[in-house]
Amino acid sequence: MLASATLRETTRAAHDRVDAAFARFDLQSRDRYAAMLVAHARALPAAEAAMAAEPSLPAWSPRTPLLEADLHDLGWALPPRLPLALPPGAAALAGLTYVIEGSRLGGVYLARQVGTGLPARYLSAAHGKGDWRALLAWLDRAGENGGNAWITQALAGAAAGFTLFQQAAEAA
């Protein structure tokens, strides 16, 4: 099985738990929407900082500045980050990248639900044309080259990413 498919199938339950944890936020309500953004801001900057430190990852665009701008417009600052319990190694960071970049897909869907007049730069930050498919292809090549050990580490990194976001949602 390809690395991208293994990541998708193996992390499906964790993904569903994170989706359920964030489903309670009303994106039409200014206060509840701000609370959702604050929860994301407890997780995303830590994840993106870890990703930025790994030069072997494919290109990606940080969304922390967009999240910070949306929070600023709502009268909030970035909250303290939650700690990211990420195993060492580039493969774990690849798994984390799968989670963070995959969240853009859901963000674009959620952006359509944001209340009128509320900032949605963060959620609206879609992939460029072909970027998601290119990331999946990169993961598949890296998985082929690294074998089962690489995929195991990538899965651990993805699990750490989902755990971080679930903790952030539950703390909100």
N, C-alpha and C. Protein backbone atom coordinates (compact mmCIF):
# COMPACT_ATOMS: atom_id res chain seq x y z
N MET A 1 0.85 -1.18 0.00
CA MET A 1 0.00 0.00 0.00
C MET A 1 0.90 1.25 0.00
N LEU A 2 0.49 2.27 -0.70
CA LEU A 2 1.25 3.51 -0.77
C LEU A 2 1.23 4.24 0.57
N ALA A 3 2.27 5.01 0.83
CA ALA A 3 2.38 5.74 2.10
C ALA A 3 1.19 6.65 2.32
N SER A 4 0.77 7.37 1.29
CA SER A 4 -0.36 8.30 1.46
C SER A 4 -1.64 7.55 1.82
N ALA A 5 -1.87 6.41 1.20
CA ALA A 5 -3.06 5.61 1.51
C ALA A 5 -2.96 5.02 2.92
N THR A 6 -1.77 4.60 3.30
CA THR A 6 -1.57 4.07 4.65
C THR A 6 -1.82 5.16 5.68
N LEU A 7 -1.32 6.36 5.44
CA LEU A 7 -1.57 7.47 6.35
C LEU A 7 -3.07 7.75 6.45
N ARG A 8 -3.75 7.80 5.33
CA ARG A 8 -5.18 8.10 5.33
C ARG A 8 -5.96 7.04 6.10
N GLU A 9 -5.71 5.78 5.80
CA GLU A 9 -6.48 4.70 6.43
C GLU A 9 -6.15 4.54 7.92
N THR A 10 -4.88 4.60 8.24
CA THR A 10 -4.47 4.35 9.62
C THR A 10 -4.86 5.49 10.56
N THR A 11 -4.93 6.71 10.03
CA THR A 11 -5.24 7.85 10.90
C THR A 11 -6.71 8.27 10.81
N ARG A 12 -7.52 7.52 10.10
CA ARG A 12 -8.93 7.89 9.92
C ARG A 12 -9.65 8.11 11.26
N ALA A 13 -9.47 7.24 12.22
CA ALA A 13 -10.17 7.37 13.50
C ALA A 13 -9.70 8.62 14.24
N ALA A 14 -8.40 8.89 14.22
CA ALA A 14 -7.88 10.10 14.87
C ALA A 14 -8.42 11.35 14.18
N HIS A 15 -8.48 11.31 12.87
CA HIS A 15 -9.04 12.43 12.10
C HIS A 15 -10.50 12.66 12.48
N ASP A 16 -11.25 11.58 12.58
CA ASP A 16 -12.66 11.68 12.96
C ASP A 16 -12.82 12.26 14.36
N ARG A 17 -11.94 11.88 15.29
CA ARG A 17 -12.00 12.42 16.65
C ARG A 17 -11.73 13.93 16.66
N VAL A 18 -10.77 14.36 15.88
CA VAL A 18 -10.46 15.79 15.81
C VAL A 18 -11.64 16.54 15.17
N ASP A 19 -12.18 16.01 14.11
CA ASP A 19 -13.35 16.64 13.49
C ASP A 19 -14.49 16.77 14.49
N ALA A 20 -14.74 15.72 15.25
CA ALA A 20 -15.82 15.76 16.25
C ALA A 20 -15.53 16.78 17.34
N ALA A 21 -14.28 16.88 17.76
CA ALA A 21 -13.92 17.84 18.81
C ALA A 21 -14.12 19.27 18.35
N PHE A 22 -13.87 19.54 17.07
CA PHE A 22 -14.04 20.90 16.55
C PHE A 22 -15.45 21.18 16.05
N ALA A 23 -16.28 20.16 15.89
CA ALA A 23 -17.64 20.34 15.36
C ALA A 23 -18.52 21.14 16.31
N ARG A 24 -18.15 21.23 17.57
CA ARG A 24 -18.98 21.94 18.53
C ARG A 24 -18.89 23.46 18.42
N PHE A 25 -17.94 23.95 17.63
CA PHE A 25 -17.77 25.39 17.49
C PHE A 25 -18.72 25.93 16.43
N ASP A 26 -19.48 26.96 16.79
CA ASP A 26 -20.42 27.61 15.88
C ASP A 26 -19.66 28.70 15.12
N LEU A 27 -19.42 28.48 13.85
CA LEU A 27 -18.64 29.42 13.06
C LEU A 27 -19.42 30.67 12.67
N GLN A 28 -20.71 30.69 12.97
CA GLN A 28 -21.53 31.88 12.74
C GLN A 28 -21.42 32.87 13.90
N SER A 29 -21.09 32.38 15.07
CA SER A 29 -20.99 33.20 16.27
C SER A 29 -19.58 33.77 16.39
N ARG A 30 -19.46 35.06 16.54
CA ARG A 30 -18.15 35.70 16.66
C ARG A 30 -17.34 35.08 17.79
N ASP A 31 -17.94 34.92 18.96
CA ASP A 31 -17.21 34.40 20.12
C ASP A 31 -16.83 32.93 19.95
N ARG A 32 -17.73 32.11 19.44
CA ARG A 32 -17.44 30.69 19.27
C ARG A 32 -16.43 30.47 18.13
N TYR A 33 -16.54 31.29 17.10
CA TYR A 33 -15.57 31.22 16.01
C TYR A 33 -14.18 31.62 16.52
N ALA A 34 -14.13 32.69 17.31
CA ALA A 34 -12.85 33.11 17.90
C ALA A 34 -12.28 32.00 18.77
N ALA A 35 -13.13 31.33 19.53
CA ALA A 35 -12.66 30.22 20.39
C ALA A 35 -12.08 29.09 19.53
N MET A 36 -12.68 28.83 18.39
CA MET A 36 -12.15 27.80 17.50
C MET A 36 -10.79 28.21 16.96
N LEU A 37 -10.66 29.48 16.55
CA LEU A 37 -9.37 29.96 16.06
C LEU A 37 -8.31 29.92 17.15
N VAL A 38 -8.68 30.27 18.38
CA VAL A 38 -7.74 30.20 19.50
C VAL A 38 -7.28 28.76 19.69
N ALA A 39 -8.19 27.82 19.60
CA ALA A 39 -7.80 26.41 19.73
C ALA A 39 -6.80 26.03 18.64
N HIS A 40 -7.06 26.42 17.43
CA HIS A 40 -6.12 26.14 16.33
C HIS A 40 -4.78 26.82 16.60
N ALA A 41 -4.83 28.02 17.16
CA ALA A 41 -3.60 28.77 17.43
C ALA A 41 -2.77 28.15 18.56
N ARG A 42 -3.36 27.30 19.34
CA ARG A 42 -2.58 26.58 20.36
C ARG A 42 -1.80 25.42 19.73
N ALA A 43 -2.18 25.02 18.53
CA ALA A 43 -1.57 23.86 17.88
C ALA A 43 -0.77 24.20 16.63
N LEU A 44 -1.35 24.96 15.73
CA LEU A 44 -0.74 25.18 14.42
C LEU A 44 0.67 25.78 14.48
N PRO A 45 0.91 26.84 15.27
CA PRO A 45 2.26 27.41 15.27
C PRO A 45 3.35 26.43 15.70
N ALA A 46 3.04 25.56 16.65
CA ALA A 46 4.03 24.56 17.08
C ALA A 46 4.31 23.57 15.95
N ALA A 47 3.26 23.15 15.27
CA ALA A 47 3.43 22.21 14.17
C ALA A 47 4.21 22.85 13.02
N GLU A 48 3.84 24.07 12.66
CA GLU A 48 4.53 24.72 11.55
C GLU A 48 5.99 25.05 11.89
N ALA A 49 6.27 25.37 13.16
CA ALA A 49 7.67 25.62 13.55
C ALA A 49 8.50 24.35 13.39
N ALA A 50 7.93 23.22 13.77
CA ALA A 50 8.64 21.94 13.61
C ALA A 50 8.86 21.63 12.13
N MET A 51 7.84 21.87 11.32
CA MET A 51 7.96 21.61 9.88
C MET A 51 9.01 22.53 9.24
N ALA A 52 9.03 23.78 9.65
CA ALA A 52 9.97 24.75 9.07
C ALA A 52 11.42 24.39 9.34
N ALA A 53 11.64 23.63 10.40
CA ALA A 53 13.01 23.25 10.77
C ALA A 53 13.53 22.05 9.98
N GLU A 54 12.69 21.46 9.13
CA GLU A 54 13.10 20.28 8.36
C GLU A 54 13.19 20.61 6.87
N PRO A 55 14.40 20.82 6.36
CA PRO A 55 14.55 21.23 4.96
C PRO A 55 14.20 20.16 3.93
N SER A 56 14.11 18.91 4.33
CA SER A 56 13.82 17.86 3.35
C SER A 56 12.34 17.77 2.98
N LEU A 57 11.48 18.48 3.69
CA LEU A 57 10.05 18.44 3.38
C LEU A 57 9.77 19.19 2.08
N PRO A 58 8.72 18.79 1.38
CA PRO A 58 8.35 19.56 0.18
C PRO A 58 7.87 20.95 0.59
N ALA A 59 7.84 21.86 -0.37
CA ALA A 59 7.42 23.24 -0.11
C ALA A 59 5.99 23.27 0.42
N TRP A 60 5.76 24.15 1.36
CA TRP A 60 4.43 24.38 1.92
C TRP A 60 4.38 25.84 2.35
N SER A 61 3.19 26.38 2.48
CA SER A 61 3.00 27.78 2.86
C SER A 61 2.47 27.85 4.29
N PRO A 62 3.16 28.58 5.16
CA PRO A 62 2.68 28.69 6.54
C PRO A 62 1.35 29.44 6.62
N ARG A 63 0.52 28.99 7.52
CA ARG A 63 -0.77 29.66 7.75
C ARG A 63 -0.83 30.37 9.09
N THR A 64 0.21 30.22 9.92
CA THR A 64 0.20 30.90 11.21
C THR A 64 0.00 32.41 11.05
N PRO A 65 0.66 33.09 10.10
CA PRO A 65 0.40 34.53 9.96
C PRO A 65 -1.05 34.85 9.62
N LEU A 66 -1.70 34.00 8.85
CA LEU A 66 -3.11 34.21 8.52
C LEU A 66 -3.99 34.02 9.74
N LEU A 67 -3.68 33.01 10.52
CA LEU A 67 -4.42 32.74 11.76
C LEU A 67 -4.24 33.90 12.73
N GLU A 68 -3.01 34.39 12.85
CA GLU A 68 -2.74 35.52 13.74
C GLU A 68 -3.51 36.76 13.28
N ALA A 69 -3.56 37.00 11.99
CA ALA A 69 -4.29 38.16 11.45
C ALA A 69 -5.79 38.05 11.73
N ASP A 70 -6.35 36.85 11.54
CA ASP A 70 -7.77 36.66 11.82
C ASP A 70 -8.06 36.88 13.31
N LEU A 71 -7.21 36.34 14.17
CA LEU A 71 -7.40 36.55 15.61
C LEU A 71 -7.28 38.02 15.96
N HIS A 72 -6.32 38.70 15.38
CA HIS A 72 -6.14 40.13 15.64
C HIS A 72 -7.41 40.90 15.27
N ASP A 73 -7.99 40.58 14.12
CA ASP A 73 -9.22 41.24 13.69
C ASP A 73 -10.36 41.00 14.67
N LEU A 74 -10.31 39.90 15.38
CA LEU A 74 -11.34 39.57 16.38
C LEU A 74 -10.98 40.05 17.78
N GLY A 75 -9.81 40.72 17.90
CA GLY A 75 -9.40 41.26 19.19
C GLY A 75 -8.63 40.30 20.06
N TRP A 76 -8.05 39.26 19.49
CA TRP A 76 -7.32 38.25 20.23
C TRP A 76 -5.86 38.22 19.76
N ALA A 77 -4.98 37.82 20.66
CA ALA A 77 -3.58 37.56 20.32
C ALA A 77 -3.38 36.05 20.23
N LEU A 78 -2.25 35.65 19.66
CA LEU A 78 -1.93 34.22 19.66
C LEU A 78 -1.79 33.74 21.11
N PRO A 79 -2.44 32.65 21.46
CA PRO A 79 -2.31 32.10 22.81
C PRO A 79 -1.01 31.31 22.94
N PRO A 80 -0.65 30.90 24.15
CA PRO A 80 0.52 30.03 24.30
C PRO A 80 0.30 28.72 23.54
N ARG A 81 1.38 28.20 22.99
CA ARG A 81 1.33 26.94 22.24
C ARG A 81 1.26 25.75 23.19
N LEU A 82 0.56 24.74 22.75
CA LEU A 82 0.64 23.45 23.42
C LEU A 82 1.93 22.77 22.98
N PRO A 83 2.49 21.93 23.82
CA PRO A 83 3.70 21.21 23.39
C PRO A 83 3.36 20.13 22.38
N LEU A 84 4.23 20.00 21.41
CA LEU A 84 4.07 18.98 20.36
C LEU A 84 4.97 17.81 20.70
N ALA A 85 4.37 16.68 21.00
CA ALA A 85 5.12 15.46 21.34
C ALA A 85 5.39 14.69 20.06
N LEU A 86 6.41 15.11 19.33
CA LEU A 86 6.72 14.54 18.03
C LEU A 86 7.96 13.67 18.11
N PRO A 87 7.88 12.44 17.60
CA PRO A 87 9.09 11.61 17.55
C PRO A 87 10.14 12.30 16.68
N PRO A 88 11.41 12.02 16.92
CA PRO A 88 12.46 12.64 16.10
C PRO A 88 12.48 12.07 14.69
N GLY A 89 13.01 12.87 13.77
CA GLY A 89 13.25 12.38 12.42
C GLY A 89 12.37 13.01 11.36
N ALA A 90 12.91 13.01 10.16
CA ALA A 90 12.23 13.62 9.01
C ALA A 90 10.94 12.88 8.66
N ALA A 91 10.90 11.58 8.85
CA ALA A 91 9.68 10.83 8.50
C ALA A 91 8.52 11.24 9.39
N ALA A 92 8.78 11.45 10.68
CA ALA A 92 7.72 11.90 11.58
C ALA A 92 7.23 13.28 11.16
N LEU A 93 8.14 14.14 10.73
CA LEU A 93 7.74 15.46 10.26
C LEU A 93 6.95 15.36 8.96
N ALA A 94 7.24 14.38 8.14
CA ALA A 94 6.45 14.16 6.93
C ALA A 94 5.02 13.78 7.30
N GLY A 95 4.86 12.93 8.30
CA GLY A 95 3.52 12.58 8.77
C GLY A 95 2.79 13.77 9.33
N LEU A 96 3.49 14.61 10.09
CA LEU A 96 2.89 15.83 10.61
C LEU A 96 2.48 16.75 9.45
N THR A 97 3.31 16.84 8.45
CA THR A 97 2.99 17.68 7.28
C THR A 97 1.73 17.18 6.59
N TYR A 98 1.55 15.88 6.52
CA TYR A 98 0.34 15.30 5.95
C TYR A 98 -0.89 15.82 6.70
N VAL A 99 -0.82 15.87 8.02
CA VAL A 99 -1.94 16.33 8.83
C VAL A 99 -2.18 17.83 8.62
N ILE A 100 -1.12 18.61 8.72
CA ILE A 100 -1.26 20.06 8.63
C ILE A 100 -1.72 20.50 7.24
N GLU A 101 -1.10 19.96 6.23
CA GLU A 101 -1.50 20.33 4.87
C GLU A 101 -2.87 19.74 4.50
N GLY A 102 -3.18 18.58 5.05
CA GLY A 102 -4.51 18.00 4.82
C GLY A 102 -5.61 18.85 5.44
N SER A 103 -5.29 19.53 6.52
CA SER A 103 -6.30 20.36 7.18
C SER A 103 -6.74 21.54 6.31
N ARG A 104 -5.93 21.90 5.33
CA ARG A 104 -6.35 22.96 4.40
C ARG A 104 -7.62 22.56 3.65
N LEU A 105 -7.73 21.27 3.33
CA LEU A 105 -8.91 20.80 2.58
C LEU A 105 -10.18 21.04 3.38
N GLY A 106 -10.15 20.67 4.65
CA GLY A 106 -11.30 20.91 5.51
C GLY A 106 -11.52 22.38 5.79
N GLY A 107 -10.42 23.14 5.88
CA GLY A 107 -10.54 24.57 6.14
C GLY A 107 -11.31 25.30 5.07
N VAL A 108 -11.06 24.94 3.82
CA VAL A 108 -11.77 25.60 2.72
C VAL A 108 -13.28 25.33 2.83
N TYR A 109 -13.63 24.12 3.19
CA TYR A 109 -15.04 23.78 3.40
C TYR A 109 -15.61 24.60 4.56
N LEU A 110 -14.88 24.67 5.67
CA LEU A 110 -15.36 25.41 6.84
C LEU A 110 -15.45 26.91 6.58
N ALA A 111 -14.57 27.43 5.74
CA ALA A 111 -14.57 28.87 5.47
C ALA A 111 -15.93 29.33 4.93
N ARG A 112 -16.62 28.46 4.23
CA ARG A 112 -17.94 28.81 3.68
C ARG A 112 -18.99 28.93 4.78
N GLN A 113 -18.68 28.41 5.98
CA GLN A 113 -19.64 28.45 7.08
C GLN A 113 -19.37 29.60 8.05
N VAL A 114 -18.30 30.35 7.83
CA VAL A 114 -17.94 31.44 8.73
C VAL A 114 -18.95 32.57 8.59
N GLY A 115 -19.34 33.13 9.73
CA GLY A 115 -20.34 34.20 9.74
C GLY A 115 -19.95 35.40 8.91
N THR A 116 -20.94 36.07 8.40
CA THR A 116 -20.75 37.26 7.58
C THR A 116 -19.96 38.30 8.37
N GLY A 117 -18.94 38.85 7.72
CA GLY A 117 -18.14 39.90 8.34
C GLY A 117 -17.01 39.40 9.22
N LEU A 118 -16.93 38.08 9.43
CA LEU A 118 -15.84 37.53 10.24
C LEU A 118 -14.66 37.18 9.34
N PRO A 119 -13.45 37.41 9.82
CA PRO A 119 -12.27 37.13 8.98
C PRO A 119 -12.09 35.63 8.78
N ALA A 120 -11.70 35.24 7.58
CA ALA A 120 -11.53 33.82 7.28
C ALA A 120 -10.30 33.57 6.41
N ARG A 121 -9.27 34.37 6.58
CA ARG A 121 -8.05 34.16 5.79
C ARG A 121 -7.44 32.79 6.08
N TYR A 122 -7.39 32.43 7.35
CA TYR A 122 -6.78 31.15 7.75
C TYR A 122 -7.51 29.97 7.12
N LEU A 123 -8.81 29.92 7.31
CA LEU A 123 -9.58 28.79 6.79
C LEU A 123 -9.65 28.79 5.27
N SER A 124 -9.54 29.95 4.66
CA SER A 124 -9.64 30.05 3.20
C SER A 124 -8.33 29.76 2.47
N ALA A 125 -7.27 29.49 3.21
CA ALA A 125 -5.94 29.29 2.60
C ALA A 125 -5.86 27.93 1.93
N ALA A 126 -6.37 27.85 0.72
CA ALA A 126 -6.40 26.59 -0.03
C ALA A 126 -5.03 26.27 -0.61
N HIS A 127 -4.86 25.02 -0.98
CA HIS A 127 -3.66 24.62 -1.71
C HIS A 127 -3.65 25.28 -3.08
N GLY A 128 -2.46 25.48 -3.61
CA GLY A 128 -2.35 25.87 -5.00
C GLY A 128 -2.73 24.68 -5.87
N LYS A 129 -3.01 24.96 -7.11
CA LYS A 129 -3.43 23.90 -8.04
C LYS A 129 -2.36 22.79 -8.08
N GLY A 130 -2.78 21.59 -7.77
CA GLY A 130 -1.92 20.42 -7.81
C GLY A 130 -1.03 20.22 -6.59
N ASP A 131 -1.03 21.15 -5.64
CA ASP A 131 -0.13 21.04 -4.49
C ASP A 131 -0.44 19.83 -3.60
N TRP A 132 -1.71 19.54 -3.36
CA TRP A 132 -2.06 18.41 -2.51
C TRP A 132 -1.63 17.10 -3.17
N ARG A 133 -1.93 16.97 -4.45
CA ARG A 133 -1.53 15.75 -5.17
C ARG A 133 0.00 15.61 -5.19
N ALA A 134 0.70 16.72 -5.32
CA ALA A 134 2.17 16.68 -5.32
C ALA A 134 2.69 16.23 -3.95
N LEU A 135 2.06 16.69 -2.88
CA LEU A 135 2.47 16.25 -1.54
C LEU A 135 2.24 14.75 -1.38
N LEU A 136 1.09 14.26 -1.81
CA LEU A 136 0.80 12.83 -1.70
C LEU A 136 1.80 12.01 -2.51
N ALA A 137 2.14 12.48 -3.71
CA ALA A 137 3.12 11.78 -4.53
C ALA A 137 4.49 11.79 -3.85
N TRP A 138 4.86 12.90 -3.23
CA TRP A 138 6.13 12.98 -2.50
C TRP A 138 6.13 11.98 -1.34
N LEU A 139 5.02 11.91 -0.60
CA LEU A 139 4.92 10.96 0.51
C LEU A 139 5.06 9.53 -0.01
N ASP A 140 4.43 9.22 -1.12
CA ASP A 140 4.51 7.87 -1.68
C ASP A 140 5.95 7.52 -2.08
N ARG A 141 6.64 8.46 -2.71
CA ARG A 141 8.05 8.21 -3.08
C ARG A 141 8.91 8.04 -1.84
N ALA A 142 8.71 8.89 -0.85
CA ALA A 142 9.50 8.79 0.39
C ALA A 142 9.21 7.47 1.10
N GLY A 143 7.97 7.04 1.07
CA GLY A 143 7.61 5.76 1.68
C GLY A 143 8.23 4.59 0.95
N GLU A 144 8.26 4.65 -0.36
CA GLU A 144 8.91 3.59 -1.15
C GLU A 144 10.41 3.55 -0.85
N ASN A 145 11.03 4.71 -0.77
CA ASN A 145 12.47 4.76 -0.51
C ASN A 145 12.82 4.38 0.92
N GLY A 146 11.98 4.77 1.87
CA GLY A 146 12.27 4.53 3.28
C GLY A 146 11.76 3.22 3.83
N GLY A 147 10.82 2.63 3.13
CA GLY A 147 10.27 1.34 3.55
C GLY A 147 9.38 1.43 4.78
N ASN A 148 9.18 0.27 5.40
CA ASN A 148 8.25 0.17 6.53
C ASN A 148 8.67 1.03 7.71
N ALA A 149 9.96 1.15 7.96
CA ALA A 149 10.43 1.96 9.09
C ALA A 149 10.04 3.43 8.87
N TRP A 150 10.21 3.93 7.64
CA TRP A 150 9.84 5.31 7.34
C TRP A 150 8.34 5.51 7.53
N ILE A 151 7.54 4.57 7.02
CA ILE A 151 6.09 4.69 7.13
C ILE A 151 5.65 4.64 8.59
N THR A 152 6.27 3.78 9.39
CA THR A 152 5.95 3.72 10.82
C THR A 152 6.22 5.05 11.49
N GLN A 153 7.34 5.68 11.17
CA GLN A 153 7.67 6.98 11.75
C GLN A 153 6.72 8.07 11.24
N ALA A 154 6.36 8.01 9.96
CA ALA A 154 5.41 8.98 9.43
C ALA A 154 4.05 8.86 10.12
N LEU A 155 3.63 7.63 10.38
CA LEU A 155 2.38 7.42 11.10
C LEU A 155 2.45 7.99 12.51
N ALA A 156 3.59 7.84 13.16
CA ALA A 156 3.76 8.39 14.51
C ALA A 156 3.69 9.92 14.46
N GLY A 157 4.27 10.52 13.43
CA GLY A 157 4.19 11.97 13.29
C GLY A 157 2.78 12.45 13.03
N ALA A 158 2.05 11.74 12.19
CA ALA A 158 0.66 12.09 11.93
C ALA A 158 -0.18 11.95 13.20
N ALA A 159 0.04 10.88 13.94
CA ALA A 159 -0.69 10.69 15.20
C ALA A 159 -0.41 11.83 16.17
N ALA A 160 0.84 12.28 16.23
CA ALA A 160 1.20 13.40 17.11
C ALA A 160 0.46 14.67 16.68
N GLY A 161 0.35 14.88 15.38
CA GLY A 161 -0.37 16.05 14.89
C GLY A 161 -1.85 16.02 15.24
N PHE A 162 -2.48 14.89 15.03
CA PHE A 162 -3.90 14.78 15.39
C PHE A 162 -4.10 14.92 16.89
N THR A 163 -3.21 14.34 17.68
CA THR A 163 -3.31 14.46 19.13
C THR A 163 -3.20 15.91 19.57
N LEU A 164 -2.27 16.64 18.99
CA LEU A 164 -2.09 18.05 19.32
C LEU A 164 -3.36 18.84 19.06
N PHE A 165 -3.98 18.64 17.92
CA PHE A 165 -5.20 19.38 17.60
C PHE A 165 -6.37 18.93 18.46
N GLN A 166 -6.46 17.66 18.80
CA GLN A 166 -7.53 17.21 19.68
C GLN A 166 -7.36 17.83 21.05
N GLN A 167 -6.14 17.87 21.57
CA GLN A 167 -5.90 18.51 22.87
C GLN A 167 -6.27 19.98 22.82
N ALA A 168 -5.95 20.65 21.73
CA ALA A 168 -6.28 22.07 21.60
C ALA A 168 -7.79 22.30 21.59
N ALA A 169 -8.52 21.43 20.88
CA ALA A 169 -9.97 21.57 20.83
C ALA A 169 -10.59 21.30 22.19
N GLU A 170 -10.10 20.29 22.86
CA GLU A 170 -10.67 19.93 24.16
C GLU A 170 -10.35 20.96 25.23
N ALA A 171 -9.23 21.69 25.08
CA ALA A 171 -8.85 22.71 26.06
C ALA A 171 -9.63 24.00 25.87
N ALA A 172 -10.27 24.15 24.71
CA ALA A 172 -10.98 25.42 24.40
C ALA A 172 -12.28 25.52 25.19
